[in-house]
C-alpha atoms as a PDB file:
ATOM      1  CA  MET A   1     -12.201   6.139  17.752  1.00  0.00           C
ATOM      2  CA  ASP A   2     -13.246   6.477  14.299  1.00  0.00           C
ATOM      3  CA  PHE A   3     -10.162   6.264  11.507  1.00  0.00           C
ATOM      4  CA  ARG A   4     -10.430   6.945   7.687  1.00  0.00           C
ATOM      5  CA  THR A   5      -6.980   6.939   5.792  1.00  0.00           C
ATOM      6  CA  LYS A   6      -6.527   9.840   4.061  1.00  0.00           C
ATOM      7  CA  LYS A   7      -3.389  10.188   1.867  1.00  0.00           C
ATOM      8  CA  SER A   8      -1.343  12.896   0.720  1.00  0.00           C
ATOM      9  CA  LEU A   9      -2.707  14.286  -2.014  1.00  0.00           C
ATOM     10  CA  PHE A  10       0.987  13.592  -4.075  1.00  0.00           C
ATOM     11  CA  SER A  11       1.156  14.380  -7.553  1.00  0.00           C
ATOM     12  CA  LEU A  12       1.869  11.585 -10.287  1.00  0.00           C
ATOM     13  CA  LEU A  13       3.862  13.637 -12.536  1.00  0.00           C
ATOM     14  CA  ALA A  14       6.669  11.220 -13.704  1.00  0.00           C
ATOM     15  CA  ILE A  15       5.901   9.679 -16.937  1.00  0.00           C
ATOM     16  CA  CYS A  16       8.793   6.958 -17.649  1.00  0.00           C
ATOM     17  CA  GLY A  17      12.411   6.236 -17.124  1.00  0.00           C
ATOM     18  CA  LEU A  18      13.393   5.017 -13.634  1.00  0.00           C
ATOM     19  CA  SER A  19      17.313   4.694 -12.242  1.00  0.00           C
ATOM     20  CA  ALA A  20      19.036   1.760 -13.160  1.00  0.00           C
ATOM     21  CA  ALA A  21      20.533   1.411  -9.352  1.00  0.00           C
ATOM     22  CA  ALA A  22      18.920  -2.034  -8.182  1.00  0.00           C
ATOM     23  CA  LEU A  23      17.456  -2.151  -4.523  1.00  0.00           C
ATOM     24  CA  VAL A  24      19.270  -4.803  -2.134  1.00  0.00           C
ATOM     25  CA  ALA A  25      17.072  -6.847   0.393  1.00  0.00           C
ATOM     26  CA  GLY A  26      16.684  -5.313   4.253  1.00  0.00           C
ATOM     27  CA  CYS A  27      16.152  -7.967   6.261  1.00  0.00           C
ATOM     28  CA  GLY A  28      18.532 -10.592   6.735  1.00  0.00           C
ATOM     29  CA  ASP A  29      16.524 -13.134   8.350  1.00  0.00           C
ATOM     30  CA  GLU A  30      14.491 -13.753   4.916  1.00  0.00           C
ATOM     31  CA  PRO A  31      14.983 -15.882   2.245  1.00  0.00           C
ATOM     32  CA  THR A  32      17.807 -14.802  -0.616  1.00  0.00           C
ATOM     33  CA  VAL A  33      16.064 -13.968  -3.837  1.00  0.00           C
ATOM     34  CA  GLN A  34      16.275 -17.308  -6.195  1.00  0.00           C
ATOM     35  CA  THR A  35      17.039 -15.969  -9.526  1.00  0.00           C
ATOM     36  CA  ALA A  36      19.228 -17.635 -12.483  1.00  0.00           C
ATOM     37  CA  THR A  37      21.370 -14.435 -13.423  1.00  0.00           C
ATOM     38  CA  GLU A  38      23.673 -12.125 -11.616  1.00  0.00           C
ATOM     39  CA  LYS A  39      22.070  -8.402 -11.906  1.00  0.00           C
ATOM     40  CA  THR A  40      22.929  -6.949 -14.663  1.00  0.00           C
ATOM     41  CA  GLN A  41      22.768  -3.046 -16.176  1.00  0.00           C
ATOM     42  CA  SER A  42      19.832  -4.067 -18.421  1.00  0.00           C
ATOM     43  CA  SER A  43      17.713  -4.851 -15.475  1.00  0.00           C
ATOM     44  CA  THR A  44      16.301  -7.893 -16.697  1.00  0.00           C
ATOM     45  CA  VAL A  45      15.104 -10.628 -14.441  1.00  0.00           C
ATOM     46  CA  SER A  46      15.438 -14.160 -15.489  1.00  0.00           C
ATOM     47  CA  ALA A  47      13.764 -17.017 -13.553  1.00  0.00           C
ATOM     48  CA  TYR A  48      12.898 -15.237 -10.631  1.00  0.00           C
ATOM     49  CA  ARG A  49      10.564 -16.853  -8.149  1.00  0.00           C
ATOM     50  CA  ARG A  50       8.486 -14.752  -5.277  1.00  0.00           C
ATOM     51  CA  GLN A  51      10.180 -14.900  -1.891  1.00  0.00           C
ATOM     52  CA  GLN A  52       8.237 -16.483   0.871  1.00  0.00           C
ATOM     53  CA  ILE A  53       8.583 -13.989   3.455  1.00  0.00           C
ATOM     54  CA  SER A  54       7.216 -14.319   7.156  1.00  0.00           C
ATOM     55  CA  PHE A  55       6.725 -11.148   8.599  1.00  0.00           C
ATOM     56  CA  PHE A  56       6.693  -7.863   6.206  1.00  0.00           C
ATOM     57  CA  LYS A  57       8.403  -4.901   6.640  1.00  0.00           C
ATOM     58  CA  GLY A  58       7.261  -2.326   4.172  1.00  0.00           C
ATOM     59  CA  ILE A  59       7.704   1.112   2.835  1.00  0.00           C
ATOM     60  CA  ASP A  60       4.757   2.281   0.583  1.00  0.00           C
ATOM     61  CA  GLU A  61       5.203   4.827  -2.079  1.00  0.00           C
ATOM     62  CA  PRO A  62       2.601   5.877  -4.224  1.00  0.00           C
ATOM     63  CA  SER A  63       4.232   8.247  -6.593  1.00  0.00           C
ATOM     64  CA  SER A  64       6.913   7.319  -9.589  1.00  0.00           C
ATOM     65  CA  ASP A  65       8.873  10.213  -8.287  1.00  0.00           C
ATOM     66  CA  GLU A  66      10.188   8.641  -5.194  1.00  0.00           C
ATOM     67  CA  TRP A  67      10.808   4.583  -6.770  1.00  0.00           C
ATOM     68  CA  GLU A  68      13.346   6.512  -8.793  1.00  0.00           C
ATOM     69  CA  GLU A  69      14.659   8.358  -5.347  1.00  0.00           C
ATOM     70  CA  MET A  70      14.584   4.996  -3.506  1.00  0.00           C
ATOM     71  CA  ALA A  71      16.569   3.536  -6.724  1.00  0.00           C
ATOM     72  CA  ASN A  72      19.227   5.661  -5.317  1.00  0.00           C
ATOM     73  CA  LYS A  73      19.012   4.793  -1.808  1.00  0.00           C
ATOM     74  CA  ASP A  74      19.146   0.968  -2.070  1.00  0.00           C
ATOM     75  CA  GLU A  75      22.050   0.752   0.941  1.00  0.00           C
ATOM     76  CA  ARG A  76      19.612   2.869   2.949  1.00  0.00           C
ATOM     77  CA  LEU A  77      16.380   0.871   2.693  1.00  0.00           C
ATOM     78  CA  LYS A  78      18.803  -2.327   3.854  1.00  0.00           C
ATOM     79  CA  HIS A  79      20.203  -0.633   6.472  1.00  0.00           C
ATOM     80  CA  ASP A  80      16.629   0.555   7.605  1.00  0.00           C
ATOM     81  CA  GLY A  81      15.349  -3.402   7.134  1.00  0.00           C
ATOM     82  CA  PHE A  82      12.811  -3.160   4.903  1.00  0.00           C
ATOM     83  CA  ASN A  83      11.867  -6.096   2.824  1.00  0.00           C
ATOM     84  CA  ILE A  84       8.744  -5.183   0.765  1.00  0.00           C
ATOM     85  CA  VAL A  85       7.471  -2.011  -1.545  1.00  0.00           C
ATOM     86  CA  THR A  86       4.576  -1.304  -2.344  1.00  0.00           C
ATOM     87  CA  LEU A  87       3.800   0.318  -5.860  1.00  0.00           C
ATOM     88  CA  SER A  88       0.527   1.913  -6.347  1.00  0.00           C
ATOM     89  CA  PRO A  89      -0.651   2.157 -10.318  1.00  0.00           C
ATOM     90  CA  PRO A  90      -3.160   4.317 -11.635  1.00  0.00           C
ATOM     91  CA  VAL A  91      -6.540   2.467 -12.560  1.00  0.00           C
ATOM     92  CA  LEU A  92      -9.591   4.007 -14.426  1.00  0.00           C
ATOM     93  CA  ILE A  93      -7.076   6.371 -16.232  1.00  0.00           C
ATOM     94  CA  THR A  94      -8.937   6.650 -19.606  1.00  0.00           C
ATOM     95  CA  GLU A  95     -12.240   6.367 -18.086  1.00  0.00           C
ATOM     96  CA  ARG A  96     -12.079   9.139 -15.285  1.00  0.00           C
ATOM     97  CA  ALA A  97     -10.765  11.340 -18.137  1.00  0.00           C
ATOM     98  CA  GLY A  98     -14.280  10.945 -20.151  1.00  0.00           C
ATOM     99  CA  GLY A  99     -12.611   8.394 -22.877  1.00  0.00           C
ATOM    100  CA  GLN A 100      -9.340  10.824 -22.994  1.00  0.00           C
ATOM    101  CA  PRO A 101      -6.507   9.352 -22.825  1.00  0.00           C
ATOM    102  CA  ARG A 102      -4.408  10.745 -19.710  1.00  0.00           C
ATOM    103  CA  VAL A 103      -0.539  10.532 -20.633  1.00  0.00           C
ATOM    104  CA  ILE A 104       1.134  11.225 -17.588  1.00  0.00           C
ATOM    105  CA  LEU A 105      -0.868   8.633 -15.251  1.00  0.00           C
ATOM    106  CA  GLU A 106      -0.243   6.228 -18.092  1.00  0.00           C
ATOM    107  CA  GLY A 107       3.662   7.018 -18.028  1.00  0.00           C
ATOM    108  CA  VAL A 108       3.356   5.965 -14.601  1.00  0.00           C
ATOM    109  CA  ALA A 109       1.333   3.005 -14.864  1.00  0.00           C
ATOM    110  CA  GLY A 110       3.693   2.078 -17.689  1.00  0.00           C
ATOM    111  CA  SER A 111       6.635   2.114 -15.661  1.00  0.00           C
ATOM    112  CA  VAL A 112       5.759  -0.384 -12.744  1.00  0.00           C
ATOM    113  CA  THR A 113       6.701  -3.122 -14.602  1.00  0.00           C
ATOM    114  CA  GLY A 114      11.036  -1.812 -14.932  1.00  0.00           C
ATOM    115  CA  THR A 115      10.590  -0.882 -11.161  1.00  0.00           C
ATOM    116  CA  ILE A 116       9.544  -4.516 -10.271  1.00  0.00           C
ATOM    117  CA  ASP A 117      12.649  -5.617 -12.107  1.00  0.00           C
ATOM    118  CA  GLU A 118      14.634  -3.048 -10.369  1.00  0.00           C
ATOM    119  CA  LEU A 119      13.346  -4.257  -6.794  1.00  0.00           C
ATOM    120  CA  HIS A 120      13.299  -7.655  -7.596  1.00  0.00           C
ATOM    121  CA  LEU A 121      17.071  -7.669  -8.562  1.00  0.00           C
ATOM    122  CA  GLY A 122      18.094  -5.788  -5.507  1.00  0.00           C
ATOM    123  CA  GLY A 123      16.207  -8.565  -3.532  1.00  0.00           C
ATOM    124  CA  LEU A 124      13.177  -6.618  -2.378  1.00  0.00           C
ATOM    125  CA  ALA A 125       9.630  -7.832  -2.196  1.00  0.00           C
ATOM    126  CA  VAL A 126       7.158  -6.212  -4.065  1.00  0.00           C
ATOM    127  CA  PHE A 127       3.296  -5.446  -2.982  1.00  0.00           C
ATOM    128  CA  VAL A 128       1.663  -4.494  -6.354  1.00  0.00           C
ATOM    129  CA  SER A 129      -1.881  -2.400  -4.995  1.00  0.00           C
ATOM    130  CA  PRO A 130      -3.782  -0.560  -7.850  1.00  0.00           C
ATOM    131  CA  THR A 131      -5.305   2.767  -7.095  1.00  0.00           C
ATOM    132  CA  THR A 132      -7.858   5.372  -7.754  1.00  0.00           C
ATOM    133  CA  GLU A 133      -6.126   7.721  -5.705  1.00  0.00           C
ATOM    134  CA  VAL A 134      -4.436   9.957  -8.068  1.00  0.00           C
ATOM    135  CA  ALA A 135      -4.037  13.888  -8.038  1.00  0.00           C
ATOM    136  CA  GLY A 136      -7.451  15.839  -9.237  1.00  0.00           C
ATOM    137  CA  PHE A 137      -9.361  12.588  -8.831  1.00  0.00           C
ATOM    138  CA  ASP A 138     -11.997  12.144  -5.581  1.00  0.00           C
ATOM    139  CA  PRO A 139     -11.018   7.961  -5.298  1.00  0.00           C
ATOM    140  CA  ARG A 140     -14.627   7.255  -4.591  1.00  0.00           C
ATOM    141  CA  LEU A 141     -16.572   5.726  -7.448  1.00  0.00           C
ATOM    142  CA  ASP A 142     -19.724   5.840  -8.702  1.00  0.00           C
ATOM    143  CA  ALA A 143     -19.864   1.911  -8.157  1.00  0.00           C
ATOM    144  CA  SER A 144     -21.639   1.900 -12.082  1.00  0.00           C
ATOM    145  CA  GLU A 145     -22.154  -1.083 -14.346  1.00  0.00           C
ATOM    146  CA  ALA A 146     -19.846   0.469 -16.649  1.00  0.00           C
ATOM    147  CA  THR A 147     -17.194   1.567 -14.317  1.00  0.00           C
ATOM    148  CA  LEU A 148     -17.146  -1.478 -12.228  1.00  0.00           C
ATOM    149  CA  ARG A 149     -16.653  -3.116 -15.986  1.00  0.00           C
ATOM    150  CA  GLN A 150     -13.866  -1.012 -16.781  1.00  0.00           C
ATOM    151  CA  LEU A 151     -12.679  -1.483 -13.021  1.00  0.00           C
ATOM    152  CA  THR A 152     -12.651  -4.918 -13.088  1.00  0.00           C
ATOM    153  CA  GLU A 153     -10.727  -5.204 -16.987  1.00  0.00           C
ATOM    154  CA  ASP A 154      -7.713  -3.071 -15.482  1.00  0.00           C
ATOM    155  CA  THR A 155      -7.079  -4.822 -11.992  1.00  0.00           C
ATOM    156  CA  LEU A 156      -6.958  -8.323 -13.443  1.00  0.00           C
ATOM    157  CA  GLN A 157      -4.532  -6.816 -16.483  1.00  0.00           C
ATOM    158  CA  TRP A 158      -2.456  -5.496 -12.791  1.00  0.00           C
ATOM    159  CA  ALA A 159      -3.016  -9.244 -11.562  1.00  0.00           C
ATOM    160  CA  ALA A 160      -1.383 -10.808 -14.695  1.00  0.00           C
ATOM    161  CA  THR A 161       1.405  -8.025 -14.511  1.00  0.00           C
ATOM    162  CA  ALA A 162       1.837  -8.942 -11.171  1.00  0.00           C
ATOM    163  CA  GLU A 163       2.049 -12.918 -11.810  1.00  0.00           C
ATOM    164  CA  GLU A 164       4.534 -12.317 -14.514  1.00  0.00           C
ATOM    165  CA  LYS A 165       6.837 -10.056 -12.580  1.00  0.00           C
ATOM    166  CA  GLN A 166       6.219 -12.760  -9.515  1.00  0.00           C
ATOM    167  CA  ALA A 167       4.981 -10.011  -7.387  1.00  0.00           C
ATOM    168  CA  GLU A 168       4.714 -11.250  -3.367  1.00  0.00           C
ATOM    169  CA  LEU A 169       1.349  -9.727  -2.644  1.00  0.00           C
ATOM    170  CA  PHE A 170      -1.547  -8.327  -4.625  1.00  0.00           C
ATOM    171  CA  SER A 171      -4.508  -6.008  -4.006  1.00  0.00           C
ATOM    172  CA  PRO A 172      -7.310  -5.971  -6.413  1.00  0.00           C
ATOM    173  CA  LEU A 173      -7.483  -2.414  -4.822  1.00  0.00           C
ATOM    174  CA  THR A 174      -6.619  -0.049  -2.659  1.00  0.00           C
ATOM    175  CA  GLU A 175      -8.876   0.530   0.143  1.00  0.00           C
ATOM    176  CA  TYR A 176     -12.017  -0.687  -2.077  1.00  0.00           C
ATOM    177  CA  ASN A 177     -14.606  -0.582   0.977  1.00  0.00           C
ATOM    178  CA  LEU A 178     -13.983   3.612   0.962  1.00  0.00           C
ATOM    179  CA  VAL A 179     -13.582   3.914  -2.965  1.00  0.00           C
ATOM    180  CA  LEU A 180     -17.058   1.792  -3.697  1.00  0.00           C
ATOM    181  CA  GLY A 181     -18.959   1.539  -0.252  1.00  0.00           C
ATOM    182  CA  THR A 182     -19.422  -1.311   1.544  1.00  0.00           C
ATOM    183  CA  ASP A 183     -22.633  -3.154  -0.348  1.00  0.00           C
ATOM    184  CA  ALA A 184     -20.690  -2.530  -3.785  1.00  0.00           C
ATOM    185  CA  ALA A 185     -17.092  -3.521  -2.142  1.00  0.00           C
ATOM    186  CA  ASN A 186     -18.384  -6.726  -1.100  1.00  0.00           C
ATOM    187  CA  LYS A 187     -20.027  -7.580  -4.342  1.00  0.00           C
ATOM    188  CA  TRP A 188     -17.813  -6.632  -6.537  1.00  0.00           C
ATOM    189  CA  SER A 189     -15.085  -8.445  -4.353  1.00  0.00           C
ATOM    190  CA  MET A 190     -16.474 -11.459  -4.758  1.00  0.00           C
ATOM    191  CA  GLU A 191     -17.174 -11.547  -8.470  1.00  0.00           C
ATOM    192  CA  ILE A 192     -13.316 -10.847  -9.113  1.00  0.00           C
ATOM    193  CA  LEU A 193     -11.365 -12.790  -6.812  1.00  0.00           C
ATOM    194  CA  PRO A 194     -11.693 -15.898  -8.999  1.00  0.00           C
ATOM    195  CA  GLN A 195     -10.953 -14.333 -12.022  1.00  0.00           C
ATOM    196  CA  ILE A 196      -8.055 -13.111 -10.182  1.00  0.00           C
ATOM    197  CA  ARG A 197      -6.561 -16.242  -8.274  1.00  0.00           C
ATOM    198  CA  GLU A 198      -7.088 -17.623 -12.558  1.00  0.00           C
ATOM    199  CA  LYS A 199      -3.805 -15.084 -13.298  1.00  0.00           C
ATOM    200  CA  TYR A 200      -1.909 -14.219 -10.170  1.00  0.00           C
ATOM    201  CA  ARG A 201      -0.858 -17.203  -7.571  1.00  0.00           C
ATOM    202  CA  GLY A 202       0.699 -15.210  -5.151  1.00  0.00           C
ATOM    203  CA  GLU A 203      -0.698 -13.981  -1.908  1.00  0.00           C
ATOM    204  CA  LEU A 204      -3.675 -11.664  -2.063  1.00  0.00           C
ATOM    205  CA  VAL A 205      -4.620  -8.617   0.308  1.00  0.00           C
ATOM    206  CA  ALA A 206      -7.462  -7.188   1.015  1.00  0.00           C
ATOM    207  CA  ARG A 207      -6.558  -3.548   1.754  1.00  0.00           C
ATOM    208  CA  VAL A 208      -9.150  -1.274   3.910  1.00  0.00           C
ATOM    209  CA  VAL A 209     -10.205   1.594   5.711  1.00  0.00           C
ATOM    210  CA  PRO A 210     -11.712   0.768   9.162  1.00  0.00           C
ATOM    211  CA  ASP A 211     -14.409   3.053  10.297  1.00  0.00           C
ATOM    212  CA  ILE A 212     -14.884   5.180   7.859  1.00  0.00           C
ATOM    213  CA  ASN A 213     -17.322   8.170   9.139  1.00  0.00           C
ATOM    214  CA  THR A 214     -20.242   8.660   7.396  1.00  0.00           C
ATOM    215  CA  THR A 215     -23.586  10.219   6.914  1.00  0.00           C
ATOM    216  CA  VAL A 216     -26.292   8.147   5.913  1.00  0.00           C
ATOM    217  CA  GLY A 217     -26.701   7.179   2.624  1.00  0.00           C
ATOM    218  CA  SER A 218     -23.251   7.878   1.196  1.00  0.00           C
ATOM    219  CA  ALA A 219     -20.537   5.412   0.991  1.00  0.00           C
ATOM    220  CA  GLY A 220     -19.354   2.757   3.753  1.00  0.00           C
ATOM    221  CA  ALA A 221     -20.640   2.648   6.980  1.00  0.00           C
ATOM    222  CA  VAL A 222     -18.794   2.465  10.448  1.00  0.00           C
ATOM    223  CA  HIS A 223     -17.116  -1.035  11.443  1.00  0.00           C
ATOM    224  CA  ASP A 224     -18.013  -1.401   7.657  1.00  0.00           C
ATOM    225  CA  PHE A 225     -14.719  -3.857   7.343  1.00  0.00           C
ATOM    226  CA  GLU A 226     -16.248  -6.339   9.264  1.00  0.00           C
ATOM    227  CA  LEU A 227     -19.018  -6.481   7.408  1.00  0.00           C
ATOM    228  CA  LEU A 228     -17.300  -6.970   4.217  1.00  0.00           C
ATOM    229  CA  ASP A 229     -16.742 -11.001   3.325  1.00  0.00           C
ATOM    230  CA  PHE A 230     -12.748 -11.456   2.817  1.00  0.00           C
ATOM    231  CA  ARG A 231     -12.812 -15.536   2.163  1.00  0.00           C
ATOM    232  CA  GLY A 232     -10.202 -16.361  -0.468  1.00  0.00           C
ATOM    233  CA  TYR A 233      -7.937 -13.218   0.740  1.00  0.00           C
ATOM    234  CA  ASP A 234      -4.888 -14.427   2.273  1.00  0.00           C
ATOM    235  CA  TYR A 235      -4.388 -11.117   4.725  1.00  0.00           C
ATOM    236  CA  LEU A 236      -6.594  -8.308   5.760  1.00  0.00           C
ATOM    237  CA  MET A 237      -4.227  -4.924   5.493  1.00  0.00           C
ATOM    238  CA  LEU A 238      -5.743  -1.885   7.534  1.00  0.00           C
ATOM    239  CA  ASP A 239      -4.706   1.658   6.267  1.00  0.00           C
ATOM    240  CA  ILE A 240      -5.154   3.755   9.312  1.00  0.00           C
ATOM    241  CA  GLU A 241      -3.325   7.205  10.075  1.00  0.00           C
ATOM    242  CA  PRO A 242      -4.414   9.835  13.393  1.00  0.00           C
ATOM    243  CA  HIS A 243      -7.084  12.588  12.768  1.00  0.00           C
ATOM    244  CA  GLY A 244      -7.927  15.256  14.661  1.00  0.00           C
ATOM    245  CA  GLU A 245      -6.331  18.490  15.342  1.00  0.00           C
ATOM    246  CA  SER A 246      -4.032  16.739  18.326  1.00  0.00           C
ATOM    247  CA  PHE A 247      -1.992  13.491  18.516  1.00  0.00           C
ATOM    248  CA  ASP A 248      -3.042  12.061  21.921  1.00  0.00           C
ATOM    249  CA  PRO A 249      -0.394   8.705  21.631  1.00  0.00           C
ATOM    250  CA  ALA A 250      -2.259   6.624  24.800  1.00  0.00           C
ATOM    251  CA  ARG A 251      -5.166   7.072  22.973  1.00  0.00           C
ATOM    252  CA  PHE A 252      -4.111   6.154  19.155  1.00  0.00           C
ATOM    253  CA  ASP A 253      -2.239   3.269  21.179  1.00  0.00           C
ATOM    254  CA  MET A 254      -6.076   2.203  22.579  1.00  0.00           C
ATOM    255  CA  ALA A 255      -7.479   2.690  19.506  1.00  0.00           C
ATOM    256  CA  VAL A 256      -5.034   1.032  17.494  1.00  0.00           C
ATOM    257  CA  ASP A 257      -4.767  -1.957  19.622  1.00  0.00           C
ATOM    258  CA  GLU A 258      -8.765  -2.140  19.357  1.00  0.00           C
ATOM    259  CA  LEU A 259      -8.647  -2.276  15.494  1.00  0.00           C
ATOM    260  CA  ILE A 260      -6.351  -4.877  15.077  1.00  0.00           C
ATOM    261  CA  LYS A 261      -7.827  -7.008  17.478  1.00  0.00           C
ATOM    262  CA  ARG A 262     -11.328  -6.645  15.583  1.00  0.00           C
ATOM    263  CA  ALA A 263      -9.065  -7.657  12.756  1.00  0.00           C
ATOM    264  CA  ASN A 264      -7.544 -10.366  13.562  1.00  0.00           C
ATOM    265  CA  ALA A 265     -11.003 -11.609  14.753  1.00  0.00           C
ATOM    266  CA  VAL A 266     -12.377 -11.529  10.972  1.00  0.00           C
ATOM    267  CA  ALA A 267      -9.652 -12.982   9.863  1.00  0.00           C
ATOM    268  CA  ARG A 268     -10.090 -15.810  11.855  1.00  0.00           C
ATOM    269  CA  ARG A 269     -13.548 -16.057  11.014  1.00  0.00           C
ATOM    270  CA  ASP A 270     -12.917 -15.901   6.992  1.00  0.00           C
ATOM    271  CA  GLY A 271      -9.762 -18.255   7.338  1.00  0.00           C
ATOM    272  CA  LEU A 272      -6.840 -15.743   6.550  1.00  0.00           C
ATOM    273  CA  LYS A 273      -3.047 -16.003   7.374  1.00  0.00           C
ATOM    274  CA  GLY A 274      -3.794 -12.714   9.348  1.00  0.00           C
ATOM    275  CA  VAL A 275      -3.793  -9.104   9.254  1.00  0.00           C
ATOM    276  CA  LEU A 276      -1.362  -6.125   7.983  1.00  0.00           C
ATOM    277  CA  VAL A 277      -1.269  -2.905   8.954  1.00  0.00           C
ATOM    278  CA  GLU A 278       0.055   0.398   7.146  1.00  0.00           C
ATOM    279  CA  PHE A 279       0.455   3.617   9.073  1.00  0.00           C
ATOM    280  CA  GLY A 280       1.539   7.442   8.336  1.00  0.00           C
ATOM    281  CA  ALA A 281       1.345  10.746   9.811  1.00  0.00           C
ATOM    282  CA  TRP A 282       2.105  14.348   8.481  1.00  0.00           C
ATOM    283  CA  ARG A 283       5.183  15.499  10.068  1.00  0.00           C
ATOM    284  CA  GLU A 284       4.238  19.420   8.153  1.00  0.00           C
ATOM    285  CA  ALA A 285       2.024  20.881   6.185  1.00  0.00           C
ATOM    286  CA  VAL A 286       3.525  20.974   2.833  1.00  0.00           C
ATOM    287  CA  GLY A 287       2.091  23.492  -0.254  1.00  0.00           C
ATOM    288  CA  VAL A 288      -1.496  24.884   0.091  1.00  0.00           C
ATOM    289  CA  GLU A 289      -3.605  21.610  -0.191  1.00  0.00           C
ATOM    290  CA  PRO A 290      -5.636  20.759   3.063  1.00  0.00           C
ATOM    291  CA  PHE A 291      -5.261  17.437   5.009  1.00  0.00           C
ATOM    292  CA  ASP A 292      -6.714  15.422   7.630  1.00  0.00           C
ATOM    293  CA  GLY A 293      -4.650  14.723  10.644  1.00  0.00           C
ATOM    294  CA  PRO A 294      -2.675  16.587  13.351  1.00  0.00           C
ATOM    295  CA  GLU A 295       0.573  18.216  12.274  1.00  0.00           C
ATOM    296  CA  LEU A 296       3.221  16.029  14.323  1.00  0.00           C
ATOM    297  CA  GLY A 297       6.643  17.768  13.821  1.00  0.00           C
ATOM    298  CA  GLU A 298       9.969  15.513  13.629  1.00  0.00           C
ATOM    299  CA  GLY A 299       9.705  14.341  17.446  1.00  0.00           C
ATOM    300  CA  GLY A 300       5.535  13.326  17.137  1.00  0.00           C
ATOM    301  CA  GLN A 301       5.834  11.733  14.125  1.00  0.00           C
ATOM    302  CA  ALA A 302       9.063   9.630  15.201  1.00  0.00           C
ATOM    303  CA  ILE A 303       7.170   8.724  18.538  1.00  0.00           C
ATOM    304  CA  LEU A 304       3.783   7.654  16.272  1.00  0.00           C
ATOM    305  CA  ALA A 305       6.228   4.784  14.269  1.00  0.00           C
ATOM    306  CA  GLU A 306       7.542   3.840  17.530  1.00  0.00           C
ATOM    307  CA  ARG A 307       3.984   3.637  19.162  1.00  0.00           C
ATOM    308  CA  MET A 308       3.057   1.920  16.355  1.00  0.00           C
ATOM    309  CA  ILE A 309       5.350  -1.079  16.112  1.00  0.00           C
ATOM    310  CA  HIS A 310       5.124  -1.671  19.848  1.00  0.00           C
ATOM    311  CA  VAL A 311       1.243  -2.431  19.375  1.00  0.00           C
ATOM    312  CA  SER A 312       1.461  -4.084  16.215  1.00  0.00           C
ATOM    313  CA  LEU A 313       4.556  -6.261  16.152  1.00  0.00           C
ATOM    314  CA  ARG A 314       3.258  -9.312  17.885  1.00  0.00           C
ATOM    315  CA  GLN A 315      -0.716  -8.757  16.280  1.00  0.00           C
ATOM    316  CA  THR A 316      -0.004  -8.997  12.932  1.00  0.00           C
ATOM    317  CA  LYS A 317       2.186 -10.364   9.825  1.00  0.00           C
ATOM    318  CA  GLY A 318       3.343  -6.832   8.856  1.00  0.00           C
ATOM    319  CA  ILE A 319       3.517  -3.405   9.273  1.00  0.00           C
ATOM    320  CA  PHE A 320       4.136  -0.982   6.366  1.00  0.00           C
ATOM    321  CA  TRP A 321       5.259   3.239   6.891  1.00  0.00           C
ATOM    322  CA  LEU A 322       3.461   5.361   4.394  1.00  0.00           C
ATOM    323  CA  GLY A 323       6.261   7.494   2.540  1.00  0.00           C
ATOM    324  CA  TRP A 324       9.804   7.382   1.565  1.00  0.00           C
ATOM    325  CA  THR A 325      10.621  11.090   0.657  1.00  0.00           C
ATOM    326  CA  LEU A 326       6.601  12.312   0.426  1.00  0.00           C
ATOM    327  CA  PRO A 327       7.063  15.619   1.057  1.00  0.00           C
ATOM    328  CA  GLY A 328       5.866  16.441   4.753  1.00  0.00           C
ATOM    329  CA  ARG A 329       5.844  12.910   5.752  1.00  0.00           C
ATOM    330  CA  GLY A 330       8.095  10.789   3.749  1.00  0.00           C
ATOM    331  CA  ALA A 331      11.063   9.082   6.475  1.00  0.00           C
ATOM    332  CA  LEU A 332      14.285   9.825   4.560  1.00  0.00           C
ATOM    333  CA  ASP A 333      16.621  11.536   6.504  1.00  0.00           C
ATOM    334  CA  HIS A 334      13.497  12.298   9.357  1.00  0.00           C
ATOM    335  CA  MET A 335      13.647  11.181  13.018  1.00  0.00           C
ATOM    336  CA  VAL A 336      10.935   8.718  11.914  1.00  0.00           C
ATOM    337  CA  GLU A 337      13.697   7.002   9.636  1.00  0.00           C
ATOM    338  CA  ALA A 338      15.553   5.546  12.707  1.00  0.00           C
ATOM    339  CA  SER A 339      12.098   4.691  14.908  1.00  0.00           C
ATOM    340  CA  LEU A 340      11.461   2.397  12.239  1.00  0.00           C
ATOM    341  CA  ARG A 341      14.788   1.098  11.981  1.00  0.00           C
ATOM    342  CA  LEU A 342      15.251   0.507  15.519  1.00  0.00           C
ATOM    343  CA  GLY A 343      11.603  -1.107  15.476  1.00  0.00           C
ATOM    344  CA  TRP A 344      12.329  -4.001  13.662  1.00  0.00           C
ATOM    345  CA  GLN A 345      15.245  -4.935  15.993  1.00  0.00           C
END
């Protein structure tokens, strides 16, 4: 079965200003945060050292609107067992706007550092994963020399920020094989990795979409993630969602199991520590924007989470769920939240 992650067409509309509430760690078996100071209202982190986590239980939040909501639900995250949050700052903001500033997106990117501090103060780890997927733009790029040069500059800046803030995980670019196409993604990744290693000392994640279903001459190729060279990374991460008009749990189990086995084989081939997976699914349609995937309803979304954890838990080093309060798919106050909470136990 072919998969292609198609995340929700969310709106990045928050400029700056985050809640001062700090989040609390969600997993009792993880080591405590090493800080030299107590939590303060100024949300300043002093001498924070990144956590060493044996298994990542993550929530991926693509919009800064949800970051603030999460800061108001710190006890809930702890209760649900999450130990890491993904933050995805937008890249190529000015270049893709024809050289003109995009104030809203620049404001969102500028709010990331404060959010990292808030999460770390509460004991949650952070995964910084820059993205080209923002409202109004196709995430895929024309891999021209000028674009790649700007992409490299943006990525290296975020790598430096991730190191300064002691983020636990860093990905150079979310779904970079989809964004650039297989050949260009491989070339760009191998060129930028040594530069990233000079700036970031934490663990690196190669975040890809498996089995891009494409036509001849377009970006990507079937099984393209197996054609990439992941040497130099620590983890391989697959972004997976059900597609088509209906959801068959048994077939989904089989397809995901096959994908993870293939990914583990690639991880062994290239000397990685293991595989991470991110899942998500639409509960219901929201707004007028089209999306790729079935509407599962409350029960179907909860079942998908249960099956996902069942198939992935013993074969991976971490599982991430896409969306905390995202309309139409977020976990908060829906059946899927209980499925995730119970699945970790």
